[in-house]
Protein backbone atom coordinates (compact mmCIF):
# COMPACT_ATOMS: atom_id res chain seq x y z
CA MET A 1 27.25 8.09 -30.14
CA THR A 2 28.97 10.84 -28.21
CA VAL A 3 25.61 11.88 -26.68
CA PHE A 4 24.96 8.29 -25.67
CA LYS A 5 28.33 7.66 -24.26
CA THR A 6 28.06 11.05 -22.33
CA TYR A 7 24.58 10.04 -21.02
CA PHE A 8 26.04 6.91 -19.41
CA LYS A 9 29.12 8.62 -18.15
CA ILE A 10 26.82 10.75 -16.06
CA VAL A 11 24.91 7.67 -14.95
CA LYS A 12 28.18 6.14 -13.72
CA LYS A 13 28.78 9.55 -11.77
CA TYR A 14 25.70 8.78 -9.83
CA LYS A 15 26.26 4.98 -9.26
CA GLY A 16 26.59 5.60 -5.46
CA MET A 17 22.96 6.72 -5.37
CA ILE A 18 21.77 3.68 -7.45
CA LEU A 19 23.65 1.35 -5.06
CA LEU A 20 22.17 3.16 -2.08
CA TYR A 21 18.57 2.59 -3.19
CA THR A 22 19.35 -0.92 -4.31
CA ILE A 23 20.89 -1.75 -0.78
CA LEU A 24 17.86 -0.24 0.86
CA LEU A 25 15.67 -2.66 -1.21
CA ILE A 26 17.94 -5.71 -0.24
CA LEU A 27 17.82 -4.83 3.42
CA PHE A 28 14.07 -4.30 3.54
CA SER A 29 13.36 -7.50 1.52
CA GLY A 30 15.88 -9.60 3.54
CA ILE A 31 14.26 -8.61 6.75
CA ASN A 32 10.83 -9.36 5.48
CA LEU A 33 11.65 -12.54 3.68
CA SER A 34 13.43 -14.04 6.57
CA THR A 35 10.52 -13.45 9.06
CA ASN A 36 8.53 -16.20 7.28
CA ASP A 37 9.45 -19.90 7.07
CA ASN A 38 8.50 -21.68 3.88
CA ASN A 39 6.04 -24.27 5.35
CA THR A 40 3.41 -25.86 3.01
CA ASN A 41 2.20 -28.46 5.41
CA PHE A 42 -1.24 -28.07 6.87
CA THR A 43 -1.33 -27.56 10.62
CA LYS A 44 -4.34 -26.86 12.83
CA GLU A 45 -3.87 -23.42 14.01
CA LYS A 46 -5.89 -21.35 16.56
CA PRO A 47 -6.16 -17.61 16.01
CA ASN A 48 -5.52 -15.18 18.96
CA ILE A 49 -8.64 -13.32 19.91
CA LEU A 50 -9.79 -10.91 22.61
CA ILE A 51 -13.45 -11.12 24.07
CA ILE A 52 -14.74 -8.00 25.47
CA ASN A 53 -18.01 -9.05 27.27
CA LYS A 54 -20.32 -6.48 28.46
CA ASP A 55 -23.28 -8.99 29.18
CA GLU A 56 -23.61 -11.17 32.20
CA ASN A 57 -21.57 -14.43 31.92
CA ILE A 58 -24.46 -16.96 32.15
CA GLY A 59 -26.54 -18.92 29.83
CA ILE A 60 -26.13 -18.49 25.87
CA THR A 61 -23.48 -15.74 26.46
CA LYS A 62 -21.35 -18.00 28.72
CA ASN A 63 -21.70 -20.84 26.21
CA LEU A 64 -20.60 -18.75 23.33
CA ILE A 65 -17.37 -17.62 25.41
CA HIS A 66 -16.81 -21.18 26.28
CA TYR A 67 -16.89 -22.26 22.81
CA LEU A 68 -14.70 -19.50 21.61
CA LYS A 69 -11.94 -20.26 24.30
CA LYS A 70 -12.13 -23.91 23.22
CA ASN A 71 -11.43 -23.19 19.52
CA THR A 72 -9.25 -20.17 19.78
CA ASN A 73 -6.35 -18.67 21.94
CA THR A 74 -8.13 -16.08 24.06
CA LYS A 75 -5.88 -13.20 25.14
CA GLU A 76 -6.08 -11.08 28.32
CA ILE A 77 -5.41 -7.40 27.68
CA GLU A 78 -6.25 -4.35 29.63
CA ASN A 79 -9.53 -2.87 28.48
CA LYS A 80 -7.86 0.36 27.28
CA GLU A 81 -8.58 1.41 23.72
CA GLN A 82 -5.04 2.26 22.91
CA LYS A 83 -3.57 -1.04 24.31
CA ILE A 84 -6.10 -2.93 22.32
CA LYS A 85 -5.18 -1.02 19.13
CA ASP A 86 -1.47 -1.80 19.68
CA ALA A 87 -2.22 -5.39 20.26
CA LEU A 88 -4.06 -5.56 16.95
CA PHE A 89 -1.49 -3.55 15.15
CA TYR A 90 1.44 -5.67 16.40
CA ARG A 91 -0.57 -8.90 15.66
CA ASP A 92 -0.61 -9.97 19.32
CA ILE A 93 -4.22 -10.64 18.59
CA ASN A 94 -6.03 -11.18 15.28
CA TYR A 95 -9.65 -10.66 16.16
CA ILE A 96 -11.72 -8.76 18.82
CA ILE A 97 -15.12 -9.84 19.73
CA TYR A 98 -17.47 -7.31 21.59
CA ILE A 99 -20.37 -8.84 23.24
CA LYS A 100 -22.97 -6.07 23.95
CA GLU A 101 -24.93 -5.68 27.07
CA ASN A 102 -28.21 -7.73 27.15
CA TYR A 103 -26.90 -9.98 24.38
CA ARG A 104 -28.34 -13.13 26.05
CA LYS A 105 -31.70 -11.46 26.63
CA ASP A 106 -31.96 -10.21 23.07
CA ILE A 107 -31.08 -13.59 21.61
CA LEU A 108 -33.91 -15.30 23.66
CA ASP A 109 -36.36 -12.60 22.52
CA GLY A 110 -35.37 -13.40 18.90
CA LYS A 111 -33.83 -10.01 18.20
CA ASN A 112 -30.68 -11.30 16.63
CA PRO A 113 -28.18 -8.78 18.27
CA LYS A 114 -25.12 -7.84 16.28
CA ILE A 115 -21.83 -8.65 17.51
CA ASP A 116 -19.04 -6.02 16.73
CA ILE A 117 -15.63 -7.01 15.68
CA LYS A 118 -12.28 -5.62 14.95
CA THR A 119 -9.72 -7.64 12.59
CA THR A 120 -6.31 -7.65 11.31
CA LYS A 121 -7.77 -9.03 7.94
CA ASP A 122 -5.33 -11.84 7.65
CA TYR A 123 -5.45 -15.58 7.64
CA ASN A 124 -5.91 -15.97 11.28
CA ALA A 125 -8.60 -13.19 11.55
CA THR A 126 -10.53 -14.97 8.68
CA LEU A 127 -10.20 -18.30 10.64
CA ALA A 128 -11.57 -16.51 13.76
CA SER A 129 -14.39 -15.07 11.76
CA GLN A 130 -15.49 -18.56 10.44
CA ILE A 131 -15.42 -19.98 13.98
CA LEU A 132 -17.67 -17.30 15.27
CA THR A 133 -20.12 -17.39 12.14
CA ARG A 134 -20.53 -21.10 12.60
CA TYR A 135 -21.64 -20.61 16.23
CA ILE A 136 -24.03 -17.83 15.41
CA LYS A 137 -25.62 -19.64 12.49
CA VAL A 138 -26.14 -22.88 14.68
CA GLN A 139 -27.40 -20.71 17.59
CA ASN A 140 -29.87 -18.90 15.41
CA ILE A 141 -31.38 -22.15 14.08
CA TYR A 142 -32.17 -23.47 17.55
CA VAL A 143 -33.33 -20.25 19.00
CA LYS A 144 -36.00 -20.03 16.32
CA ASN A 145 -37.26 -23.49 16.99
CA MET A 146 -36.96 -23.79 20.75
CA GLN A 147 -37.88 -21.82 23.80
CA ASN A 148 -35.89 -23.58 26.65
CA GLU A 149 -32.32 -22.01 26.93
CA GLN A 150 -30.76 -25.17 28.36
CA GLU A 151 -32.26 -27.18 25.58
CA ILE A 152 -31.01 -24.52 23.09
CA ILE A 153 -27.39 -24.63 24.47
CA LYS A 154 -27.39 -28.52 24.46
CA ASN A 155 -28.33 -28.81 20.91
CA ILE A 156 -25.81 -25.99 19.87
CA ASN A 157 -23.10 -27.92 21.57
CA LYS A 158 -24.12 -31.33 20.08
CA SER A 159 -24.20 -29.87 16.61
CA LEU A 160 -20.81 -28.02 16.99
CA GLU A 161 -19.10 -31.15 18.18
CA LYS A 162 -19.33 -32.51 14.61
CA GLN A 163 -16.03 -31.73 12.94
CA ALA A 164 -15.68 -31.27 9.23
CA LYS A 165 -13.08 -33.18 7.38
CA ILE A 166 -10.23 -30.90 6.13
CA GLU A 167 -8.73 -31.32 2.63
CA ILE A 168 -6.20 -29.10 1.09
CA THR A 169 -7.35 -28.20 -2.30
CA SER A 170 -5.14 -25.29 -3.03
CA LYS A 171 -1.40 -26.08 -3.91
CA ILE A 172 -0.44 -22.30 -3.85
CA ASN A 173 2.46 -21.49 -1.57
CA THR A 174 0.93 -18.47 0.22
CA THR A 175 4.21 -17.72 2.12
CA GLN A 176 6.13 -17.23 -0.94
CA ILE A 177 3.55 -15.12 -2.75
CA GLU A 178 3.55 -12.88 0.47
CA LYS A 179 7.20 -12.50 0.17
CA MET A 180 7.01 -11.70 -3.52
CA ASN A 181 4.34 -9.09 -2.90
CA LEU A 182 6.43 -7.35 -0.06
CA TYR A 183 9.45 -7.26 -2.37
CA PHE A 184 7.59 -5.63 -5.26
CA ASN A 185 5.55 -3.24 -3.09
CA PHE A 186 8.71 -1.82 -1.41
CA ALA A 187 10.54 -1.93 -4.83
CA SER A 188 8.19 0.88 -6.04
CA TYR A 189 9.91 3.23 -3.86
CA SER A 190 13.55 2.19 -4.83
CA LEU A 191 12.59 1.84 -8.52
CA MET A 192 10.91 5.33 -8.84
CA ALA A 193 13.63 7.02 -6.69
CA ILE A 194 16.48 5.75 -8.81
CA ILE A 195 14.69 6.39 -12.24
CA ILE A 196 13.61 9.84 -11.37
CA PHE A 197 16.77 10.94 -9.61
CA ILE A 198 19.24 9.91 -12.11
CA ILE A 199 17.24 10.85 -15.28
CA CYS A 200 16.29 14.36 -13.81
CA PHE A 201 19.97 14.97 -13.03
CA ILE A 202 21.10 13.71 -16.43
CA LEU A 203 18.46 15.97 -18.31
CA THR A 204 19.38 18.96 -16.11
CA SER A 205 23.04 18.42 -16.94
CA PHE A 206 22.30 18.46 -20.76
CA LYS A 207 20.26 21.79 -20.19
CA ASN A 208 23.39 23.49 -18.72
CA LYS A 209 23.83 26.81 -20.63
CA ASN A 210 27.30 25.94 -21.84
CA ILE A 211 26.31 22.61 -23.08
CA HIS A 212 23.17 23.64 -24.57
CA LYS A 213 25.18 26.27 -26.57
CA ARG A 214 27.62 23.74 -27.85
CA ILE A 215 24.63 21.38 -28.88
CA THR A 216 23.04 24.24 -30.73
CA ILE A 217 26.27 25.13 -32.72
CA SER A 218 27.32 21.59 -33.49
CA SER A 219 26.49 19.61 -36.66
CA MET A 220 24.10 17.53 -34.83
CA ASN A 221 20.39 18.24 -35.41
CA TYR A 222 18.68 19.17 -32.06
CA LYS A 223 15.82 16.78 -32.70
CA LYS A 224 18.25 13.85 -33.23
CA HIS A 225 20.04 14.99 -30.10
CA ASN A 226 16.61 14.56 -28.21
CA ARG A 227 15.83 11.40 -29.87
CA ILE A 228 19.25 9.80 -28.63
CA ILE A 229 18.53 11.13 -25.14
CA ARG A 230 14.92 9.40 -25.05
CA LYS A 231 16.43 6.23 -26.43
CA ALA A 232 19.30 6.41 -23.74
CA SER A 233 16.76 7.09 -20.99
CA LEU A 234 14.55 4.07 -22.10
CA LEU A 235 17.67 1.79 -22.03
CA TYR A 236 18.63 3.06 -18.61
CA VAL A 237 15.00 2.36 -17.24
CA PHE A 238 15.14 -1.15 -18.83
CA ILE A 239 18.58 -1.78 -17.29
CA VAL A 240 17.33 -0.74 -13.86
CA TRP A 241 14.22 -2.95 -14.35
CA ILE A 242 16.60 -5.99 -15.15
CA LEU A 243 18.48 -5.29 -12.07
CA PHE A 244 15.58 -5.31 -9.84
CA SER A 245 14.17 -8.46 -11.58
CA LEU A 246 17.54 -10.25 -11.18
CA LEU A 247 17.70 -9.16 -7.57
CA GLY A 248 14.06 -10.42 -7.14
CA LEU A 249 15.17 -13.84 -8.58
CA ILE A 250 18.10 -14.08 -6.14
CA LEU A 251 15.93 -13.44 -3.11
CA LEU A 252 12.66 -15.31 -4.41
CA LYS A 253 14.23 -17.88 -6.58
CA ASP A 254 11.91 -20.03 -8.65
CA THR A 255 8.68 -18.25 -7.41
CA LEU A 256 9.53 -15.35 -9.66
CA LEU A 257 9.58 -17.58 -12.77
CA SER A 258 5.90 -18.50 -12.35
CA ILE A 259 3.12 -16.89 -14.23
CA ARG A 260 2.37 -14.87 -11.23
CA GLY A 261 5.85 -13.70 -10.91
CA ILE A 262 6.15 -12.79 -14.58
CA ILE A 263 3.03 -10.57 -14.17
CA TYR A 264 4.69 -8.92 -11.02
CA MET A 265 7.62 -8.18 -13.20
CA VAL A 266 5.44 -6.76 -16.14
CA ASN A 267 3.75 -4.60 -13.63
CA ALA A 268 7.00 -3.26 -12.50
CA LEU A 269 8.11 -2.46 -16.00
CA VAL A 270 5.04 -0.46 -16.76
CA PHE A 271 5.55 1.36 -13.46
CA ALA A 272 9.18 1.97 -14.49
CA PHE A 273 8.19 3.52 -17.83
CA CYS A 274 5.70 5.63 -15.86
CA SER A 275 8.36 6.75 -13.58
CA LEU A 276 10.28 7.95 -16.63
CA THR A 277 7.70 10.08 -17.78
CA ILE A 278 7.50 11.70 -14.36
CA ALA A 279 11.21 12.32 -14.50
CA ILE A 280 11.08 13.93 -17.94
CA MET A 281 8.14 16.15 -16.66
CA ILE A 282 10.11 17.31 -13.45
CA SER A 283 13.12 18.04 -15.52
CA SER A 284 11.10 20.34 -17.75
CA LEU A 285 9.98 22.33 -14.69
CA THR A 286 13.39 23.38 -13.28
CA ASN A 287 17.06 23.04 -14.33
CA ASN A 288 18.06 23.50 -10.70
CA LYS A 289 19.57 20.23 -9.28
CA GLU A 290 18.83 21.44 -5.60
CA ALA A 291 15.20 21.97 -6.50
CA VAL A 292 15.04 18.65 -8.53
CA SER A 293 16.35 16.79 -5.47
CA GLY A 294 13.66 18.24 -3.28
CA ILE A 295 10.84 17.59 -5.80
CA VAL A 296 12.01 14.07 -6.33
CA ASN A 297 12.19 13.26 -2.53
CA VAL A 298 8.52 14.45 -2.15
CA VAL A 299 7.27 12.59 -5.28
CA SER A 300 8.99 9.21 -4.46
CA LEU A 301 8.63 9.25 -0.65
CA GLY A 302 5.29 10.82 -0.56
CA GLN A 303 3.81 8.19 -2.90
CA ALA A 304 5.52 5.38 -0.98
CA PHE A 305 3.87 6.48 2.32
CA LEU A 306 0.45 7.37 0.81
CA CYS A 307 0.08 4.38 -1.38
CA GLY A 308 1.14 1.21 0.66
CA ALA A 309 4.73 0.76 -0.27
CA PHE A 310 5.92 1.11 3.50
CA VAL A 311 2.56 0.64 5.27
CA PRO A 312 0.00 -1.98 4.08
CA THR A 313 -3.18 -0.44 2.61
CA GLN A 314 -5.28 -2.03 5.18
CA TRP A 315 -3.65 0.16 7.83
CA LEU A 316 -4.06 3.30 5.93
CA PRO A 317 -7.06 5.68 6.65
CA LYS A 318 -9.75 5.77 3.95
CA ASN A 319 -9.14 9.50 3.28
CA VAL A 320 -5.53 8.81 2.58
CA LEU A 321 -6.47 6.01 0.14
CA THR A 322 -8.93 8.19 -1.58
CA LEU A 323 -6.23 10.75 -2.22
CA ALA A 324 -3.73 8.03 -3.25
CA HIS A 325 -6.08 7.23 -6.31
CA ILE A 326 -4.50 10.24 -8.17
CA LEU A 327 -1.11 8.75 -7.80
CA PRO A 328 0.54 6.13 -10.24
CA THR A 329 2.06 4.16 -7.12
CA TYR A 330 -1.43 3.48 -5.93
CA TRP A 331 -2.38 1.52 -9.00
CA TYR A 332 0.95 -0.33 -9.10
CA ILE A 333 0.50 -1.56 -5.66
CA GLN A 334 -3.19 -2.35 -6.16
CA THR A 335 -2.10 -4.56 -8.92
CA ASN A 336 0.37 -6.45 -6.68
CA GLU A 337 -2.36 -6.84 -4.02
CA LEU A 338 -4.74 -8.29 -6.60
CA LEU A 339 -2.06 -10.80 -7.64
CA LYS A 340 -1.43 -11.89 -4.22
CA LYS A 341 -5.08 -12.86 -3.65
CA LEU A 342 -5.47 -14.73 -7.06
CA GLU A 343 -5.72 -18.47 -6.72
CA ILE A 344 -6.45 -19.23 -10.36
CA ILE A 345 -4.81 -17.09 -13.01
CA ASN A 346 -6.67 -16.90 -16.31
CA LEU A 347 -7.87 -13.95 -18.65
CA LYS A 348 -11.10 -13.41 -16.72
CA GLU A 349 -9.31 -13.02 -13.37
CA ILE A 350 -6.55 -10.86 -14.56
CA LYS A 351 -8.80 -8.27 -16.18
CA PRO A 352 -8.66 -5.97 -13.18
CA ILE A 353 -4.94 -6.27 -13.28
CA LEU A 354 -4.73 -5.29 -16.82
CA LEU A 355 -7.06 -2.40 -16.17
CA ASN A 356 -4.64 -1.08 -13.59
CA MET A 357 -1.81 -1.36 -15.79
CA LEU A 358 -3.78 0.50 -18.49
CA ILE A 359 -4.25 3.36 -15.81
CA LEU A 360 -0.55 3.47 -15.37
CA ILE A 361 -0.03 3.93 -19.16
CA LEU A 362 -2.67 6.72 -19.12
CA PHE A 363 -0.85 8.38 -16.29
CA SER A 364 2.28 8.09 -18.50
CA ILE A 365 0.60 9.72 -21.49
CA LEU A 366 -0.78 12.58 -19.18
CA PHE A 367 2.66 13.25 -18.07
CA ILE A 368 4.07 13.16 -21.52
CA ILE A 369 1.25 15.62 -22.61
CA ILE A 370 2.02 17.99 -19.54
CA ASN A 371 5.79 17.96 -20.41
CA ASN A 372 5.06 18.95 -24.00
CA GLN A 373 2.94 21.84 -22.98
CA ILE A 374 5.51 23.01 -20.58
CA SER A 375 8.33 22.67 -23.22
CA LYS A 376 6.26 24.77 -25.74
CA ARG A 377 5.70 27.45 -23.27
CA LYS A 378 9.33 27.78 -22.47
CA GLN A 379 10.23 27.88 -26.19
CA LYS A 380 7.74 30.82 -26.50
CA ILE A 381 9.41 32.73 -23.49
CA GLU A 382 12.97 31.97 -24.89
């Protein structure tokens, strides 16, 4: 009981650090959650696109541009690569369409030329893609069966005038799901930092030479002492997870009490346990608190940047994401991203999610094995 009380006395000593990372999570979540209005009503929306035309603005090419302008909000941006990239990054535009030179001639010759695109991969970009794809499909049908350009254009426009009846079949509140996803993605940084920092500092405190000698000469069995430390660490991790879940409940309200929300929380719990095993492994490497502080900053911040906690994974380079596969946070965030995209939640659909959680558990086992090996080697040296 003395060891248990001492453990949480040390936790209390570092309450400022816990509060700091909790406030960071609240601030970040508050900013992101306030940027989206909760609107479940359907409104016809036009995506913002940029058309870069290198062909002559006549005939089929002119008709394609006219159709796109009619069904989207076309933006005028200076034709410089950096300015175009910035506009795409800041969502000033959702979709860029590059019409190549000789596009009209190649279409009439039956070559089916490719139209290059760049996209933000969000809802508006998908809508722009559907608008373009619809036109291209209709155009290809008439080009195959007709020779006269004016007749082709006339029939394309006639077919495209027919509007499909829109019916909402999904009742999912995508805005709230996006908010929940943002909250839990950023929580990976706060959760890992709070768990690793505090547990590493506690374990290094117990490994202090004077304290270690007192434990050795005390009546308590050393194995029992370690068992109590492990139980206290598990309890601390569980308390932190409860704190973050309650915070999520305050910010996200009833959304978190759905099946989707519960899976988000379970994923966070598995990730919290994995963070605990990382903390134990780091504490085995060194007893120097300054060194621990540096290692923990690299581990928590590094994973947050590389795995998509701060920057969405779609904006990260492929080589960075390839490297991120060896980090636990990557699999945690991938689970969150899969959950965000799910429309129907059943056993078949959540199999990839369960697989990601299993990978996190395997990471935890690996860190435990590494920790045991380090501890054995240190015992032999001592």
